[in-house]
C-alpha atoms as a PDB file:
ATOM      1  CA  UNK A   1     179.499 139.191 186.138  1.00  0.00           C
ATOM      2  CA  UNK A   2     183.076 139.059 187.419  1.00  0.00           C
ATOM      3  CA  UNK A   3     185.264 137.142 184.923  1.00  0.00           C
ATOM      4  CA  UNK A   4     187.123 134.116 186.273  1.00  0.00           C
ATOM      5  CA  UNK A   5     189.570 131.643 184.753  1.00  0.00           C
ATOM      6  CA  UNK A   6     187.970 128.200 185.275  1.00  0.00           C
ATOM      7  CA  UNK A   7     191.422 126.595 185.147  1.00  0.00           C
ATOM      8  CA  UNK A   8     192.658 128.606 188.134  1.00  0.00           C
ATOM      9  CA  UNK A   9     189.813 128.215 190.584  1.00  0.00           C
ATOM     10  CA  UNK A  10     190.732 127.039 194.089  1.00  0.00           C
ATOM     11  CA  UNK A  11     190.036 123.419 194.792  1.00  0.00           C
ATOM     12  CA  UNK A  12     189.168 124.130 198.434  1.00  0.00           C
ATOM     13  CA  UNK A  13     187.725 127.324 199.911  1.00  0.00           C
ATOM     14  CA  UNK A  14     187.321 127.861 203.654  1.00  0.00           C
ATOM     15  CA  UNK A  15     185.112 130.592 205.110  1.00  0.00           C
ATOM     16  CA  UNK A  16     185.026 132.276 208.517  1.00  0.00           C
ATOM     17  CA  UNK A  17     181.450 133.525 208.549  1.00  0.00           C
ATOM     18  CA  UNK A  18     181.803 136.588 210.771  1.00  0.00           C
ATOM     19  CA  UNK A  19     179.666 139.662 211.396  1.00  0.00           C
ATOM     20  CA  UNK A  20     176.196 138.292 212.142  1.00  0.00           C
ATOM     21  CA  UNK A  21     175.977 140.045 215.501  1.00  0.00           C
ATOM     22  CA  UNK A  22     177.249 143.373 214.212  1.00  0.00           C
ATOM     23  CA  UNK A  23     174.845 143.184 211.249  1.00  0.00           C
ATOM     24  CA  UNK A  24     171.935 142.777 213.662  1.00  0.00           C
ATOM     25  CA  UNK A  25     173.112 145.512 216.038  1.00  0.00           C
ATOM     26  CA  UNK A  26     173.415 147.996 213.171  1.00  0.00           C
ATOM     27  CA  UNK A  27     169.708 147.405 212.522  1.00  0.00           C
ATOM     28  CA  UNK A  28     168.616 147.440 216.172  1.00  0.00           C
ATOM     29  CA  UNK A  29     167.821 143.739 215.972  1.00  0.00           C
ATOM     30  CA  UNK A  30     168.725 140.920 218.323  1.00  0.00           C
ATOM     31  CA  UNK A  31     171.950 139.041 217.602  1.00  0.00           C
ATOM     32  CA  UNK A  32     169.992 135.896 216.815  1.00  0.00           C
ATOM     33  CA  UNK A  33     168.349 137.644 213.868  1.00  0.00           C
ATOM     34  CA  UNK A  34     171.797 138.176 212.385  1.00  0.00           C
ATOM     35  CA  UNK A  35     172.529 134.462 212.641  1.00  0.00           C
ATOM     36  CA  UNK A  36     169.153 133.702 211.095  1.00  0.00           C
ATOM     37  CA  UNK A  37     169.821 135.982 208.115  1.00  0.00           C
ATOM     38  CA  UNK A  38     173.223 134.379 207.650  1.00  0.00           C
ATOM     39  CA  UNK A  39     171.623 131.224 206.249  1.00  0.00           C
ATOM     40  CA  UNK A  40     170.937 133.065 202.970  1.00  0.00           C
ATOM     41  CA  UNK A  41     174.659 133.750 202.613  1.00  0.00           C
ATOM     42  CA  UNK A  42     175.420 130.077 203.252  1.00  0.00           C
ATOM     43  CA  UNK A  43     173.011 129.041 200.525  1.00  0.00           C
ATOM     44  CA  UNK A  44     174.454 131.576 198.045  1.00  0.00           C
ATOM     45  CA  UNK A  45     178.050 130.476 198.641  1.00  0.00           C
ATOM     46  CA  UNK A  46     177.272 126.749 198.494  1.00  0.00           C
ATOM     47  CA  UNK A  47     175.263 127.125 195.286  1.00  0.00           C
ATOM     48  CA  UNK A  48     177.903 129.312 193.622  1.00  0.00           C
ATOM     49  CA  UNK A  49     180.764 127.025 194.639  1.00  0.00           C
ATOM     50  CA  UNK A  50     178.957 123.996 193.255  1.00  0.00           C
ATOM     51  CA  UNK A  51     178.127 125.766 189.987  1.00  0.00           C
ATOM     52  CA  UNK A  52     181.762 126.763 189.526  1.00  0.00           C
ATOM     53  CA  UNK A  53     183.017 123.273 190.254  1.00  0.00           C
ATOM     54  CA  UNK A  54     184.841 124.008 193.511  1.00  0.00           C
ATOM     55  CA  UNK A  55     185.329 120.603 195.113  1.00  0.00           C
ATOM     56  CA  UNK A  56     185.578 121.481 198.820  1.00  0.00           C
ATOM     57  CA  UNK A  57     183.967 124.232 200.879  1.00  0.00           C
ATOM     58  CA  UNK A  58     184.595 124.480 204.627  1.00  0.00           C
ATOM     59  CA  UNK A  59     182.285 126.686 206.697  1.00  0.00           C
ATOM     60  CA  UNK A  60     183.244 127.732 210.230  1.00  0.00           C
ATOM     61  CA  UNK A  61     179.806 127.509 211.804  1.00  0.00           C
ATOM     62  CA  UNK A  62     180.472 127.266 215.549  1.00  0.00           C
ATOM     63  CA  UNK A  63     183.770 127.308 217.428  1.00  0.00           C
ATOM     64  CA  UNK A  64     184.737 125.707 220.722  1.00  0.00           C
ATOM     65  CA  UNK A  65     184.924 129.236 222.137  1.00  0.00           C
ATOM     66  CA  UNK A  66     181.363 129.993 221.031  1.00  0.00           C
ATOM     67  CA  UNK A  67     180.099 127.748 223.842  1.00  0.00           C
ATOM     68  CA  UNK A  68     180.969 130.630 226.205  1.00  0.00           C
ATOM     69  CA  UNK A  69     178.412 132.938 224.593  1.00  0.00           C
ATOM     70  CA  UNK A  70     175.120 133.693 226.411  1.00  0.00           C
ATOM     71  CA  UNK A  71     173.010 130.579 226.871  1.00  0.00           C
ATOM     72  CA  UNK A  72     170.119 132.063 224.897  1.00  0.00           C
ATOM     73  CA  UNK A  73     172.332 132.759 221.891  1.00  0.00           C
ATOM     74  CA  UNK A  74     173.906 129.296 221.974  1.00  0.00           C
ATOM     75  CA  UNK A  75     170.459 127.724 222.176  1.00  0.00           C
ATOM     76  CA  UNK A  76     169.252 129.773 219.226  1.00  0.00           C
ATOM     77  CA  UNK A  77     172.328 128.794 217.180  1.00  0.00           C
ATOM     78  CA  UNK A  78     171.711 125.122 217.905  1.00  0.00           C
ATOM     79  CA  UNK A  79     168.096 125.595 216.834  1.00  0.00           C
ATOM     80  CA  UNK A  80     169.179 127.198 213.581  1.00  0.00           C
ATOM     81  CA  UNK A  81     171.613 124.346 212.911  1.00  0.00           C
ATOM     82  CA  UNK A  82     168.856 121.817 213.581  1.00  0.00           C
ATOM     83  CA  UNK A  83     166.490 123.525 211.158  1.00  0.00           C
ATOM     84  CA  UNK A  84     169.232 123.827 208.519  1.00  0.00           C
ATOM     85  CA  UNK A  85     169.964 120.103 208.663  1.00  0.00           C
ATOM     86  CA  UNK A  86     166.285 119.293 208.254  1.00  0.00           C
ATOM     87  CA  UNK A  87     165.529 121.801 205.483  1.00  0.00           C
ATOM     88  CA  UNK A  88     168.665 121.330 203.365  1.00  0.00           C
ATOM     89  CA  UNK A  89     168.922 117.546 203.166  1.00  0.00           C
ATOM     90  CA  UNK A  90     166.836 117.268 199.997  1.00  0.00           C
ATOM     91  CA  UNK A  91     168.907 120.004 198.317  1.00  0.00           C
ATOM     92  CA  UNK A  92     172.141 118.319 199.306  1.00  0.00           C
ATOM     93  CA  UNK A  93     170.941 115.065 197.777  1.00  0.00           C
ATOM     94  CA  UNK A  94     169.571 116.711 194.643  1.00  0.00           C
ATOM     95  CA  UNK A  95     172.831 118.580 194.050  1.00  0.00           C
ATOM     96  CA  UNK A  96     174.994 115.566 194.957  1.00  0.00           C
ATOM     97  CA  UNK A  97     176.720 117.402 197.801  1.00  0.00           C
ATOM     98  CA  UNK A  98     178.408 115.422 200.552  1.00  0.00           C
ATOM     99  CA  UNK A  99     178.283 116.890 204.059  1.00  0.00           C
ATOM    100  CA  UNK A 100     181.143 116.250 206.465  1.00  0.00           C
ATOM    101  CA  UNK A 101     181.332 117.532 210.045  1.00  0.00           C
ATOM    102  CA  UNK A 102     184.548 118.300 211.911  1.00  0.00           C
ATOM    103  CA  UNK A 103     184.803 119.308 215.549  1.00  0.00           C
ATOM    104  CA  UNK A 104     183.852 117.979 218.958  1.00  0.00           C
ATOM    105  CA  UNK A 105     180.309 117.043 218.013  1.00  0.00           C
ATOM    106  CA  UNK A 106     179.869 115.163 221.299  1.00  0.00           C
ATOM    107  CA  UNK A 107     179.157 118.546 222.894  1.00  0.00           C
ATOM    108  CA  UNK A 108     176.169 119.212 220.634  1.00  0.00           C
ATOM    109  CA  UNK A 109     172.630 118.685 221.956  1.00  0.00           C
ATOM    110  CA  UNK A 110     171.512 115.109 221.334  1.00  0.00           C
ATOM    111  CA  UNK A 111     168.873 116.005 218.732  1.00  0.00           C
ATOM    112  CA  UNK A 112     171.347 118.135 216.748  1.00  0.00           C
ATOM    113  CA  UNK A 113     174.016 115.452 216.992  1.00  0.00           C
ATOM    114  CA  UNK A 114     171.607 112.816 215.701  1.00  0.00           C
ATOM    115  CA  UNK A 115     170.423 114.992 212.810  1.00  0.00           C
ATOM    116  CA  UNK A 116     173.995 115.814 211.882  1.00  0.00           C
ATOM    117  CA  UNK A 117     174.968 112.157 211.933  1.00  0.00           C
ATOM    118  CA  UNK A 118     171.956 111.281 209.797  1.00  0.00           C
ATOM    119  CA  UNK A 119     172.738 113.972 207.213  1.00  0.00           C
ATOM    120  CA  UNK A 120     176.401 112.993 207.008  1.00  0.00           C
ATOM    121  CA  UNK A 121     175.407 109.352 206.535  1.00  0.00           C
ATOM    122  CA  UNK A 122     172.724 110.120 203.936  1.00  0.00           C
ATOM    123  CA  UNK A 123     175.059 112.216 201.781  1.00  0.00           C
ATOM    124  CA  UNK A 124     178.192 110.077 202.131  1.00  0.00           C
ATOM    125  CA  UNK A 125     178.103 108.788 198.540  1.00  0.00           C
ATOM    126  CA  UNK A 126     177.563 112.189 196.878  1.00  0.00           C
ATOM    127  CA  UNK A 127     180.531 113.171 194.727  1.00  0.00           C
ATOM    128  CA  UNK A 128     179.888 116.539 193.055  1.00  0.00           C
ATOM    129  CA  UNK A 129     181.084 118.611 196.016  1.00  0.00           C
ATOM    130  CA  UNK A 130     182.009 118.269 199.695  1.00  0.00           C
ATOM    131  CA  UNK A 131     180.815 120.788 202.282  1.00  0.00           C
ATOM    132  CA  UNK A 132     182.738 120.548 205.548  1.00  0.00           C
ATOM    133  CA  UNK A 133     180.844 121.987 208.494  1.00  0.00           C
ATOM    134  CA  UNK A 134     183.189 123.025 211.312  1.00  0.00           C
ATOM    135  CA  UNK A 135     180.930 122.902 214.355  1.00  0.00           C
ATOM    136  CA  UNK A 136     182.076 122.875 217.976  1.00  0.00           C
ATOM    137  CA  UNK A 137     185.466 123.094 216.305  1.00  0.00           C
ATOM    138  CA  UNK A 138     188.777 124.446 217.519  1.00  0.00           C
ATOM    139  CA  UNK A 139     192.088 123.918 215.739  1.00  0.00           C
ATOM    140  CA  UNK A 140     194.132 123.661 218.942  1.00  0.00           C
ATOM    141  CA  UNK A 141     191.831 120.919 220.200  1.00  0.00           C
ATOM    142  CA  UNK A 142     192.043 119.172 216.811  1.00  0.00           C
ATOM    143  CA  UNK A 143     195.856 119.236 216.845  1.00  0.00           C
ATOM    144  CA  UNK A 144     195.996 118.133 220.486  1.00  0.00           C
ATOM    145  CA  UNK A 145     193.740 115.171 219.687  1.00  0.00           C
ATOM    146  CA  UNK A 146     195.980 114.220 216.769  1.00  0.00           C
ATOM    147  CA  UNK A 147     199.131 114.436 218.930  1.00  0.00           C
ATOM    148  CA  UNK A 148     197.561 112.207 221.582  1.00  0.00           C
ATOM    149  CA  UNK A 149     196.628 109.595 218.968  1.00  0.00           C
ATOM    150  CA  UNK A 150     200.143 109.600 217.533  1.00  0.00           C
ATOM    151  CA  UNK A 151     201.667 109.431 221.041  1.00  0.00           C
ATOM    152  CA  UNK A 152     199.605 106.322 221.746  1.00  0.00           C
ATOM    153  CA  UNK A 153     200.968 104.677 218.591  1.00  0.00           C
ATOM    154  CA  UNK A 154     204.526 105.454 219.689  1.00  0.00           C
ATOM    155  CA  UNK A 155     203.833 104.247 223.217  1.00  0.00           C
ATOM    156  CA  UNK A 156     202.422 100.960 221.877  1.00  0.00           C
ATOM    157  CA  UNK A 157     205.492 100.448 219.699  1.00  0.00           C
ATOM    158  CA  UNK A 158     203.577 100.812 216.422  1.00  0.00           C
ATOM    159  CA  UNK A 159     205.625 103.838 215.363  1.00  0.00           C
ATOM    160  CA  UNK A 160     209.068 105.253 216.067  1.00  0.00           C
ATOM    161  CA  UNK A 161     209.296 108.911 217.152  1.00  0.00           C
ATOM    162  CA  UNK A 162     211.402 109.680 214.079  1.00  0.00           C
ATOM    163  CA  UNK A 163     208.568 108.317 211.956  1.00  0.00           C
ATOM    164  CA  UNK A 164     206.265 111.162 212.971  1.00  0.00           C
ATOM    165  CA  UNK A 165     206.261 113.358 209.868  1.00  0.00           C
ATOM    166  CA  UNK A 166     204.011 116.231 208.764  1.00  0.00           C
ATOM    167  CA  UNK A 167     202.104 113.717 206.641  1.00  0.00           C
ATOM    168  CA  UNK A 168     201.510 111.524 209.678  1.00  0.00           C
ATOM    169  CA  UNK A 169     200.172 114.501 211.632  1.00  0.00           C
ATOM    170  CA  UNK A 170     197.915 115.496 208.732  1.00  0.00           C
ATOM    171  CA  UNK A 171     196.562 111.952 208.557  1.00  0.00           C
ATOM    172  CA  UNK A 172     195.426 112.219 212.174  1.00  0.00           C
ATOM    173  CA  UNK A 173     193.588 115.520 211.772  1.00  0.00           C
ATOM    174  CA  UNK A 174     189.830 115.771 211.239  1.00  0.00           C
ATOM    175  CA  UNK A 175     190.480 116.782 207.630  1.00  0.00           C
ATOM    176  CA  UNK A 176     192.529 113.680 206.773  1.00  0.00           C
ATOM    177  CA  UNK A 177     192.181 112.829 203.096  1.00  0.00           C
ATOM    178  CA  UNK A 178     191.067 116.330 202.125  1.00  0.00           C
ATOM    179  CA  UNK A 179     193.234 118.956 200.416  1.00  0.00           C
ATOM    180  CA  UNK A 180     194.307 121.960 202.464  1.00  0.00           C
ATOM    181  CA  UNK A 181     192.345 125.142 201.688  1.00  0.00           C
ATOM    182  CA  UNK A 182     193.702 127.196 198.804  1.00  0.00           C
ATOM    183  CA  UNK A 183     191.699 130.240 199.866  1.00  0.00           C
ATOM    184  CA  UNK A 184     190.409 131.447 203.224  1.00  0.00           C
ATOM    185  CA  UNK A 185     187.680 134.092 203.163  1.00  0.00           C
ATOM    186  CA  UNK A 186     186.892 136.007 206.334  1.00  0.00           C
ATOM    187  CA  UNK A 187     183.928 138.346 206.338  1.00  0.00           C
ATOM    188  CA  UNK A 188     183.400 141.208 208.772  1.00  0.00           C
ATOM    189  CA  UNK A 189     186.842 142.780 208.447  1.00  0.00           C
ATOM    190  CA  UNK A 190     188.591 141.194 211.441  1.00  0.00           C
ATOM    191  CA  UNK A 191     192.242 140.299 210.806  1.00  0.00           C
ATOM    192  CA  UNK A 192     192.625 136.973 212.613  1.00  0.00           C
ATOM    193  CA  UNK A 193     192.053 133.274 212.002  1.00  0.00           C
ATOM    194  CA  UNK A 194     190.210 132.573 215.274  1.00  0.00           C
ATOM    195  CA  UNK A 195     191.549 129.088 216.025  1.00  0.00           C
ATOM    196  CA  UNK A 196     190.436 127.813 212.622  1.00  0.00           C
ATOM    197  CA  UNK A 197     192.377 125.157 210.656  1.00  0.00           C
ATOM    198  CA  UNK A 198     195.715 126.319 212.069  1.00  0.00           C
ATOM    199  CA  UNK A 199     197.666 123.408 210.566  1.00  0.00           C
ATOM    200  CA  UNK A 200     195.836 123.362 207.241  1.00  0.00           C
ATOM    201  CA  UNK A 201     196.163 127.120 206.574  1.00  0.00           C
ATOM    202  CA  UNK A 202     199.972 127.069 206.401  1.00  0.00           C
ATOM    203  CA  UNK A 203     200.066 128.177 202.746  1.00  0.00           C
ATOM    204  CA  UNK A 204     196.491 129.292 202.233  1.00  0.00           C
ATOM    205  CA  UNK A 205     195.787 132.634 200.556  1.00  0.00           C
ATOM    206  CA  UNK A 206     193.780 134.875 202.908  1.00  0.00           C
ATOM    207  CA  UNK A 207     191.083 137.288 201.752  1.00  0.00           C
ATOM    208  CA  UNK A 208     189.392 139.593 204.283  1.00  0.00           C
ATOM    209  CA  UNK A 209     186.344 141.645 203.359  1.00  0.00           C
ATOM    210  CA  UNK A 210     184.516 144.234 205.482  1.00  0.00           C
ATOM    211  CA  UNK A 211     181.216 142.831 204.220  1.00  0.00           C
ATOM    212  CA  UNK A 212     179.294 141.309 207.113  1.00  0.00           C
ATOM    213  CA  UNK A 213     178.268 137.702 206.606  1.00  0.00           C
ATOM    214  CA  UNK A 214     174.484 138.265 206.191  1.00  0.00           C
ATOM    215  CA  UNK A 215     175.270 140.604 203.260  1.00  0.00           C
ATOM    216  CA  UNK A 216     177.728 138.214 201.580  1.00  0.00           C
ATOM    217  CA  UNK A 217     176.352 136.891 198.302  1.00  0.00           C
ATOM    218  CA  UNK A 218     177.492 135.528 194.944  1.00  0.00           C
ATOM    219  CA  UNK A 219     179.085 138.802 193.817  1.00  0.00           C
ATOM    220  CA  UNK A 220     181.204 139.070 196.970  1.00  0.00           C
ATOM    221  CA  UNK A 221     182.237 135.432 196.629  1.00  0.00           C
ATOM    222  CA  UNK A 222     183.242 135.932 192.998  1.00  0.00           C
ATOM    223  CA  UNK A 223     185.257 139.008 193.985  1.00  0.00           C
ATOM    224  CA  UNK A 224     187.214 136.938 196.478  1.00  0.00           C
ATOM    225  CA  UNK A 225     187.878 134.294 193.833  1.00  0.00           C
ATOM    226  CA  UNK A 226     188.979 136.961 191.337  1.00  0.00           C
ATOM    227  CA  UNK A 227     191.523 138.344 193.802  1.00  0.00           C
ATOM    228  CA  UNK A 228     192.763 134.826 194.497  1.00  0.00           C
ATOM    229  CA  UNK A 229     193.457 134.410 190.805  1.00  0.00           C
ATOM    230  CA  UNK A 230     195.557 137.579 190.811  1.00  0.00           C
ATOM    231  CA  UNK A 231     197.951 136.143 193.376  1.00  0.00           C
ATOM    232  CA  UNK A 232     201.075 134.108 192.700  1.00  0.00           C
ATOM    233  CA  UNK A 233     201.263 131.108 195.009  1.00  0.00           C
ATOM    234  CA  UNK A 234     204.924 130.373 195.724  1.00  0.00           C
ATOM    235  CA  UNK A 235     204.967 127.877 198.616  1.00  0.00           C
ATOM    236  CA  UNK A 236     208.350 129.218 199.810  1.00  0.00           C
ATOM    237  CA  UNK A 237     209.922 129.568 196.364  1.00  0.00           C
ATOM    238  CA  UNK A 238     210.982 132.761 194.610  1.00  0.00           C
ATOM    239  CA  UNK A 239     208.795 134.391 191.926  1.00  0.00           C
ATOM    240  CA  UNK A 240     211.403 133.496 189.276  1.00  0.00           C
ATOM    241  CA  UNK A 241     211.304 129.849 190.284  1.00  0.00           C
ATOM    242  CA  UNK A 242     207.535 129.782 190.027  1.00  0.00           C
ATOM    243  CA  UNK A 243     207.662 131.395 186.579  1.00  0.00           C
ATOM    244  CA  UNK A 244     210.142 128.792 185.349  1.00  0.00           C
ATOM    245  CA  UNK A 245     208.426 125.817 186.943  1.00  0.00           C
ATOM    246  CA  UNK A 246     204.777 126.381 187.904  1.00  0.00           C
ATOM    247  CA  UNK A 247     203.493 124.308 190.783  1.00  0.00           C
ATOM    248  CA  UNK A 248     201.105 121.664 189.564  1.00  0.00           C
ATOM    249  CA  UNK A 249     199.549 121.336 193.010  1.00  0.00           C
ATOM    250  CA  UNK A 250     198.685 125.015 193.310  1.00  0.00           C
ATOM    251  CA  UNK A 251     195.122 124.526 192.071  1.00  0.00           C
END
């Protein structure tokens, strides 16, 4: 068991779940099998995060760019999402986990969109943990949507241009009311953020592991949390300043 300081756990962890296709190819399996095996990693991370008391967990499940993948793969991914929503609802309710979806869900197949809406509605009063599912999500699209909404307010005379602050922008993002991620985990070894939470990741600690997502389990998650606790979060200040006056909002 990897030792952790309960007082220094991140409040919000975001995960780019990468490597399903490579995992399958290494085993001479179809890419869809890699996505299918990835559900076990999702379950392990959600269960571990809830047990540790992590309040928010964001999972990058399907990006706006993923729509350009082969039609068969996209269809299989939508099928997996549909089955996940059906099979996990009872567990979400039992464990008092709220599900929130961010992204352009209008692009989802009707049956998936309806199931997602039903699950979000059913879990809306759960308070032990929030799982944010980023599906059909792209950060540039999210920011563009927020800018358009703010521009309309200015155009209608409800806001002055000088009144547009970072807080105002944040309030118009899909994650409004949620804390920014303290830790971003990317599996699969790639060193990029892939159009994920570009605004929210401004001061997030980033942890990249070569472990492919289907092989990611509790131990790998705990290792990422342990490394997070070794870091000094400065938010633009010097190490000496942080030592003299620790940031209360760091955790």
